[in-house]
Protein backbone atom coordinates (compact mmCIF):
# COMPACT_ATOMS: atom_id res chain seq x y z
CA MET A 1 17.82 20.04 -4.28
CA THR A 2 17.40 16.38 -5.23
CA THR A 3 15.97 15.78 -8.70
CA TYR A 4 13.43 12.98 -9.07
CA ASN A 5 12.65 11.54 -12.47
CA VAL A 6 11.11 8.25 -11.35
CA ILE A 7 9.68 7.42 -7.91
CA SER A 8 8.04 4.10 -7.14
CA ALA A 9 4.94 4.85 -5.08
CA ASP A 10 4.55 1.19 -4.10
CA SER A 11 7.65 -0.89 -3.36
CA HIS A 12 8.19 -3.36 -0.55
CA VAL A 13 10.48 -4.56 2.16
CA VAL A 14 11.04 -8.22 2.98
CA GLU A 15 10.95 -8.42 6.76
CA GLU A 16 14.00 -9.96 8.42
CA PRO A 17 13.31 -13.35 10.06
CA ASP A 18 14.01 -12.11 13.61
CA LEU A 19 12.31 -8.71 13.30
CA TRP A 20 9.46 -9.44 15.73
CA VAL A 21 11.45 -11.74 18.00
CA GLN A 22 13.95 -8.96 18.58
CA ARG A 23 11.58 -6.01 18.82
CA MET A 24 8.30 -7.08 20.41
CA ASP A 25 7.66 -6.31 24.06
CA ALA A 26 8.76 -9.09 26.40
CA ALA A 27 5.14 -9.88 27.27
CA PHE A 28 4.51 -10.91 23.66
CA ARG A 29 7.91 -12.19 22.61
CA ASP A 30 7.19 -15.90 23.00
CA ARG A 31 4.29 -15.38 20.56
CA ALA A 32 6.29 -13.29 18.07
CA PRO A 33 5.97 -13.95 14.34
CA HIS A 34 9.11 -15.81 13.31
CA MET A 35 10.78 -17.93 10.65
CA GLU A 36 11.65 -21.59 11.10
CA ARG A 37 14.00 -23.59 8.90
CA GLU A 38 12.35 -26.82 7.88
CA ALA A 39 13.89 -29.69 5.94
CA ASP A 40 12.73 -28.52 2.54
CA ARG A 41 11.92 -24.82 3.01
CA ASP A 42 11.90 -21.79 5.29
CA VAL A 43 8.48 -21.05 6.79
CA PHE A 44 7.11 -17.97 8.54
CA TYR A 45 4.75 -18.59 11.44
CA VAL A 46 2.28 -16.07 12.82
CA GLU A 47 0.02 -17.04 15.70
CA GLY A 48 -3.52 -17.71 14.52
CA LEU A 49 -2.67 -17.66 10.81
CA PRO A 50 -1.63 -20.38 8.37
CA PRO A 51 2.16 -20.73 7.91
CA THR A 52 3.67 -19.31 4.73
CA GLY A 53 6.84 -19.96 2.77
CA VAL A 54 9.19 -16.98 2.60
CA ALA A 55 11.35 -17.55 -0.46
CA LEU A 56 8.88 -16.14 -3.01
CA LEU A 57 8.58 -12.81 -1.22
CA GLY A 58 11.52 -11.08 -2.89
CA SER A 59 11.83 -12.90 -6.19
CA ALA A 60 11.79 -9.90 -8.55
CA GLY A 61 13.46 -10.57 -11.88
CA ARG A 62 13.11 -14.36 -11.66
CA ASP A 63 11.83 -16.38 -14.58
CA PRO A 64 8.39 -17.83 -13.68
CA GLN A 65 9.82 -21.29 -14.26
CA GLU A 66 12.25 -20.73 -11.38
CA LEU A 67 9.66 -19.86 -8.75
CA GLY A 68 8.88 -23.43 -7.77
CA GLY A 69 12.49 -23.93 -6.70
CA LEU A 70 12.65 -21.00 -4.28
CA ASN A 71 12.56 -22.35 -0.73
CA ARG A 72 15.10 -20.44 1.38
CA PHE A 73 15.02 -16.89 2.73
CA GLU A 74 18.46 -16.15 1.27
CA GLN A 75 17.01 -16.60 -2.22
CA ASN A 76 15.11 -13.32 -1.80
CA ARG A 77 16.76 -10.19 -3.13
CA ARG A 78 18.87 -8.69 -0.37
CA GLY A 79 17.56 -5.24 -1.21
CA GLY A 80 14.32 -6.19 0.53
CA TYR A 81 15.98 -5.51 3.89
CA ASP A 82 19.42 -4.01 3.14
CA PRO A 83 19.31 -0.36 1.98
CA GLU A 84 22.72 -0.43 0.30
CA ALA A 85 21.83 -3.51 -1.75
CA ARG A 86 18.52 -1.86 -2.53
CA PHE A 87 20.18 1.28 -3.87
CA GLU A 88 22.19 -0.85 -6.29
CA ASP A 89 18.99 -2.46 -7.55
CA MET A 90 17.26 0.92 -7.79
CA ALA A 91 20.09 2.26 -9.93
CA ARG A 92 19.84 -0.77 -12.21
CA ASP A 93 16.09 -0.10 -12.58
CA GLY A 94 16.37 3.65 -13.09
CA VAL A 95 14.35 4.47 -9.94
CA ASP A 96 15.35 7.45 -7.79
CA ALA A 97 13.23 6.86 -4.68
CA GLU A 98 10.67 4.45 -3.27
CA VAL A 99 7.72 4.32 -0.86
CA LEU A 100 7.94 1.14 1.21
CA TYR A 101 5.11 -1.25 2.05
CA PRO A 102 5.42 -4.54 3.99
CA THR A 103 5.30 -8.17 2.88
CA ILE A 104 4.67 -10.43 5.88
CA GLY A 105 2.95 -7.38 7.37
CA PHE A 106 0.01 -7.84 4.97
CA ARG A 107 -1.03 -10.98 6.82
CA LEU A 108 -1.09 -9.28 10.21
CA PHE A 109 -4.25 -7.32 9.35
CA ARG A 110 -6.21 -10.55 9.79
CA LEU A 111 -5.14 -11.06 13.42
CA LYS A 112 -8.04 -11.16 15.87
CA ASP A 113 -6.14 -10.41 19.10
CA ILE A 114 -6.21 -6.60 19.10
CA GLU A 115 -3.37 -6.04 21.59
CA TYR A 116 -1.17 -8.64 19.91
CA LYS A 117 -1.80 -7.10 16.48
CA ALA A 118 -1.01 -3.61 17.77
CA GLU A 119 2.29 -4.84 19.23
CA CYS A 120 3.19 -6.61 15.97
CA PHE A 121 2.49 -3.36 14.12
CA ARG A 122 4.52 -1.27 16.57
CA ALA A 123 7.56 -3.53 16.27
CA TYR A 124 7.38 -3.49 12.47
CA ASN A 125 7.02 0.29 12.38
CA ASP A 126 10.12 0.73 14.52
CA TRP A 127 12.12 -1.62 12.30
CA LEU A 128 11.00 0.14 9.12
CA ALA A 129 11.79 3.57 10.54
CA ASP A 130 15.28 2.37 11.41
CA MET A 131 15.76 1.01 7.89
CA CYS A 132 14.79 4.35 6.31
CA ARG A 133 16.68 6.55 8.78
CA GLY A 134 19.47 8.46 7.07
CA HIS A 135 17.99 7.69 3.63
CA GLU A 136 14.91 9.92 3.80
CA GLN A 137 15.50 11.44 0.37
CA ARG A 138 15.31 7.99 -1.23
CA LEU A 139 13.26 5.75 1.06
CA LYS A 140 10.03 6.55 2.88
CA GLY A 141 8.08 3.97 4.84
CA LEU A 142 4.43 3.58 5.78
CA GLY A 143 3.42 2.55 9.29
CA LEU A 144 0.96 -0.30 9.85
CA ILE A 145 -2.13 0.93 11.69
CA GLY A 146 -4.89 -1.21 13.16
CA LEU A 147 -8.28 0.48 13.46
CA ASP A 148 -9.81 -1.87 16.05
CA ASP A 149 -9.13 0.71 18.78
CA ILE A 150 -9.43 4.21 17.30
CA GLU A 151 -7.71 6.03 20.14
CA ALA A 152 -4.77 3.67 19.88
CA ALA A 153 -4.80 4.01 16.08
CA VAL A 154 -4.57 7.79 16.31
CA GLY A 155 -1.70 7.43 18.76
CA GLU A 156 0.22 5.03 16.51
CA LEU A 157 -0.31 7.26 13.47
CA LYS A 158 1.16 10.20 15.40
CA ARG A 159 4.02 8.06 16.68
CA SER A 160 4.71 6.80 13.16
CA GLN A 161 5.16 10.37 12.00
CA GLU A 162 7.41 11.16 14.95
CA ILE A 163 9.78 8.28 14.13
CA GLY A 164 10.01 9.35 10.48
CA LEU A 165 7.36 7.36 8.61
CA CYS A 166 5.38 9.17 5.91
CA GLY A 167 1.88 7.70 6.15
CA GLY A 168 -0.30 4.96 7.58
CA MET A 169 -1.45 1.72 6.02
CA ILE A 170 -4.86 0.35 7.02
CA ALA A 171 -6.88 -2.65 5.82
CA ILE A 172 -8.09 -2.24 2.25
CA TYR A 173 -11.48 -3.42 3.48
CA PRO A 174 -12.59 -3.62 7.12
CA GLU A 175 -14.80 -6.16 8.83
CA GLU A 176 -18.22 -6.27 7.16
CA SER A 177 -19.90 -5.20 10.37
CA ARG A 178 -18.08 -1.85 10.38
CA PRO A 179 -17.46 -0.37 6.89
CA TYR A 180 -15.42 2.80 6.47
CA SER A 181 -18.63 4.81 6.30
CA ASP A 182 -19.11 4.17 10.04
CA PRO A 183 -18.69 7.27 12.29
CA PHE A 184 -16.47 5.08 14.49
CA TYR A 185 -13.50 5.95 12.26
CA GLU A 186 -14.06 9.72 12.26
CA PRO A 187 -11.26 10.60 14.75
CA PHE A 188 -8.77 8.67 12.61
CA TRP A 189 -9.72 10.47 9.39
CA ALA A 190 -9.54 13.81 11.20
CA ASN A 191 -6.10 13.13 12.62
CA SER A 192 -4.74 11.78 9.35
CA GLU A 193 -5.82 15.01 7.70
CA ALA A 194 -4.44 17.19 10.48
CA LEU A 195 -1.08 15.42 10.48
CA GLY A 196 -0.79 15.38 6.70
CA MET A 197 -0.29 11.60 6.84
CA PRO A 198 -1.76 9.86 3.76
CA VAL A 199 -3.70 6.65 4.41
CA SER A 200 -3.00 3.63 2.20
CA LEU A 201 -5.31 0.79 1.16
CA HIS A 202 -3.10 -1.98 -0.24
CA ILE A 203 -4.30 -5.21 -1.81
CA LEU A 204 -4.22 -8.41 0.27
CA THR A 205 -5.14 -6.67 3.53
CA ALA A 206 -8.91 -7.18 3.73
CA ALA A 207 -9.58 -7.68 7.44
CA GLY A 208 -11.32 -10.86 8.48
CA ARG A 209 -10.90 -12.62 5.16
CA PRO A 210 -7.87 -14.56 3.94
CA PRO A 211 -6.81 -13.68 0.38
CA PHE A 212 -6.73 -16.29 -2.34
CA GLU A 213 -9.39 -18.57 -0.90
CA THR A 214 -9.97 -19.20 -4.58
CA PHE A 215 -6.67 -18.02 -6.08
CA THR A 216 -7.60 -17.14 -9.63
CA ILE A 217 -10.84 -15.39 -8.68
CA ASP A 218 -9.28 -13.33 -5.88
CA TYR A 219 -6.11 -12.52 -7.82
CA ALA A 220 -8.06 -11.33 -10.85
CA SER A 221 -10.49 -9.11 -8.91
CA MET A 222 -8.30 -7.39 -6.32
CA SER A 223 -9.52 -3.91 -7.17
CA ASN A 224 -13.02 -4.79 -5.96
CA TRP A 225 -12.05 -4.33 -2.29
CA ALA A 226 -10.67 -0.87 -2.97
CA GLN A 227 -13.75 0.20 -4.91
CA ARG A 228 -16.06 -0.76 -2.07
CA SER A 229 -13.99 1.12 0.52
CA LEU A 230 -13.63 4.22 -1.64
CA ALA A 231 -17.36 4.29 -2.36
CA ALA A 232 -18.02 4.08 1.38
CA LEU A 233 -15.69 7.00 2.07
CA ILE A 234 -17.16 9.14 -0.72
CA PHE A 235 -20.87 8.57 -0.11
CA SER A 236 -20.59 8.87 3.69
CA GLY A 237 -19.10 12.34 3.30
CA VAL A 238 -15.64 11.59 4.73
CA PHE A 239 -13.92 13.50 1.92
CA GLU A 240 -16.42 16.34 2.15
CA ARG A 241 -15.63 16.76 5.85
CA HIS A 242 -11.90 16.26 5.33
CA PRO A 243 -10.89 17.88 2.04
CA ASP A 244 -7.17 17.50 2.75
CA LEU A 245 -7.30 13.81 3.66
CA LYS A 246 -5.42 11.70 1.10
CA VAL A 247 -6.18 8.01 0.56
CA VAL A 248 -3.88 5.91 -1.61
CA CYS A 249 -5.17 2.82 -3.40
CA ALA A 250 -2.04 0.70 -3.84
CA GLU A 251 -1.36 -2.11 -6.31
CA ALA A 252 -4.95 -2.48 -7.47
CA ASP A 253 -4.10 -0.94 -10.87
CA ILE A 254 -5.97 1.98 -12.45
CA GLY A 255 -7.82 0.64 -15.48
CA TRP A 256 -11.06 0.42 -13.48
CA ILE A 257 -11.00 4.04 -12.31
CA ALA A 258 -12.47 5.75 -15.39
CA ASN A 259 -15.53 3.51 -15.17
CA PHE A 260 -15.69 3.79 -11.36
CA ILE A 261 -15.84 7.58 -11.29
CA GLN A 262 -18.48 7.52 -14.02
CA ARG A 263 -20.43 4.96 -11.99
CA ILE A 264 -20.35 6.88 -8.71
CA ASP A 265 -21.56 10.03 -10.49
CA HIS A 266 -24.33 8.03 -12.14
CA THR A 267 -25.29 6.66 -8.73
CA MET A 268 -25.55 10.16 -7.33
CA ARG A 269 -27.59 11.56 -10.21
CA LYS A 270 -29.94 8.60 -10.49
CA HIS A 271 -30.45 7.59 -6.89
CA GLY A 272 -29.08 10.39 -4.73
CA PRO A 273 -32.36 12.34 -4.48
CA ARG A 274 -34.51 9.37 -3.40
CA LEU A 275 -31.85 8.23 -0.91
CA GLY A 276 -31.51 11.70 0.59
CA LEU A 277 -27.78 11.95 -0.23
CA GLN A 278 -26.47 15.45 0.40
CA MET A 279 -23.17 16.32 -1.29
CA ASN A 280 -21.78 19.70 -2.26
CA ARG A 281 -19.85 18.26 -5.20
CA MET A 282 -20.11 15.28 -7.50
CA PRO A 283 -18.52 12.05 -6.22
CA SER A 284 -15.90 12.06 -9.00
CA GLU A 285 -14.69 15.44 -7.78
CA TYR A 286 -14.07 14.03 -4.32
CA PHE A 287 -12.21 11.12 -5.88
CA ARG A 288 -9.89 13.44 -7.78
CA GLN A 289 -9.44 15.65 -4.73
CA ASN A 290 -8.69 12.94 -2.19
CA VAL A 291 -7.66 9.67 -3.87
CA ARG A 292 -4.37 8.58 -5.41
CA ALA A 293 -3.84 5.19 -7.07
CA THR A 294 -0.71 3.26 -8.02
CA PHE A 295 -0.05 0.93 -10.93
CA MET A 296 2.89 -0.96 -12.44
CA THR A 297 1.77 -1.94 -15.92
CA ASP A 298 -1.79 -1.18 -17.01
CA MET A 299 -2.37 -0.39 -20.65
CA ALA A 300 -6.10 0.17 -20.13
CA GLY A 301 -5.36 2.64 -17.36
CA MET A 302 -2.81 4.55 -19.41
CA ARG A 303 -5.24 4.80 -22.31
CA THR A 304 -7.71 6.53 -19.98
CA TRP A 305 -5.28 8.58 -17.86
CA ASP A 306 -6.88 11.83 -19.00
CA LEU A 307 -10.36 10.61 -17.96
CA ILE A 308 -9.01 9.60 -14.56
CA GLY A 309 -6.97 12.75 -14.02
CA GLU A 310 -3.19 12.76 -14.10
CA GLU A 311 -3.09 14.14 -10.55
CA CYS A 312 -4.59 10.88 -9.24
CA ILE A 313 -2.08 8.41 -10.68
CA MET A 314 1.32 7.28 -9.38
CA TRP A 315 3.59 4.71 -11.02
CA SER A 316 5.29 1.92 -9.06
CA ASN A 317 7.61 -1.04 -9.64
CA ASP A 318 6.53 -3.35 -6.76
CA TYR A 319 10.18 -4.24 -6.04
CA PRO A 320 11.17 -6.86 -4.90
CA HIS A 321 7.95 -8.88 -5.29
CA THR A 322 7.19 -11.50 -7.93
CA ASP A 323 4.95 -9.12 -9.91
CA SER A 324 7.64 -6.43 -10.01
CA THR A 325 8.71 -4.72 -13.22
CA TRP A 326 12.31 -4.77 -11.90
CA PRO A 327 14.83 -4.75 -13.55
CA ASN A 328 12.95 -3.77 -16.72
CA SER A 329 11.01 -0.77 -15.47
CA GLN A 330 12.42 1.61 -18.05
CA GLU A 331 11.21 -0.63 -20.87
CA VAL A 332 7.78 -0.84 -19.24
CA ILE A 333 7.63 2.95 -18.83
CA ALA A 334 8.58 3.55 -22.46
CA ARG A 335 5.83 1.22 -23.63
CA GLU A 336 3.07 2.30 -21.24
CA PHE A 337 3.65 6.05 -21.59
CA GLU A 338 3.88 6.17 -25.36
CA GLY A 339 1.98 9.24 -26.54
CA VAL A 340 1.48 10.67 -23.03
CA PRO A 341 2.45 14.39 -22.87
CA GLU A 342 5.69 15.06 -21.02
CA GLY A 343 4.00 17.09 -18.28
CA ALA A 344 1.53 14.34 -17.44
CA LYS A 345 4.26 11.71 -17.70
CA ARG A 346 6.45 13.57 -15.23
CA ASN A 347 3.56 13.97 -12.78
CA ILE A 348 2.64 10.30 -12.88
CA LEU A 349 6.23 9.04 -12.69
CA ALA A 350 7.50 11.35 -9.97
CA GLU A 351 5.86 14.64 -9.09
CA ASN A 352 2.58 13.34 -7.67
CA CYS A 353 4.42 10.99 -5.33
CA ARG A 354 7.12 13.52 -4.48
CA THR A 355 4.52 16.08 -3.46
CA LEU A 356 2.32 13.63 -1.56
CA TYR A 357 5.09 12.20 0.61
CA GLY A 358 7.49 15.16 0.77
CA PHE A 359 10.49 13.75 -1.06
CA GLY A 360 13.19 16.37 -1.43
């Protein structure tokens, strides 16, 4: 049996420039997201969204002073789309396995054309499944799932499992008019639980709102979107109705969690009776039962790991993105886990993720 000492619960692919052009249905192909080489840089175009440069997407390990000079796709780390190159980088970083999230795919959650978005998601999911195929003990991918049409969402979640993906990624925060407390989503939660497919809420995917409208404010407060969605799920009884549903909060760090679970319990004790809230357990218990959260480097979080609950936390390296701890993850781990008991350390670094996604 494969031994796992370190699993990154949140790593990324860098989508190949012709992914959607090659894989989207013919009816959508002339509208496919694609890269264009311009005089001074390579740019990715998605219909209805602002263009974006693509050379910063896989810049792990670069000195911050270098980032301004990255303008071509080839300057990304090849491991973002080539499994063999990725395995070399994983070995250098001391990482045994990784869960894969998208890069360009983040932006697609803001698309307004429901059919077009669904086709973009389908094409990406097929590409990711092909990338992971044959490497299932080391790479597991998450399918992109749009919740605009719940019947279609349930179908794509099932299809994602059938083609080898290990979970579904939805917007970290939906349109304001339909929060995750809305009964509209109930069939999706039920099917995610029944299939054993964890649902991920990753930063930068808030539907209907572009990230970084004000860069420093948005960048510094990313966990806010996750907190609002998790509170909606907890107080609307989703986790009470679906005790085996697992929701992963990805790349929003963990230092806020100890305060958050205290706050939701305080909300229940102080205001639950007057609001008529009926729950069989305290909100923090549902959090620990149903929620998992990833982090890269978070000293505040690791100083409160025991208040959060070691079963809720999963480490990640964010490879190959700019914020990644690659290739220095072992140094980061040694620093962040100083004083943490070996059993808890092993759970956070590998076992929680291995169990959740079925590695090995």
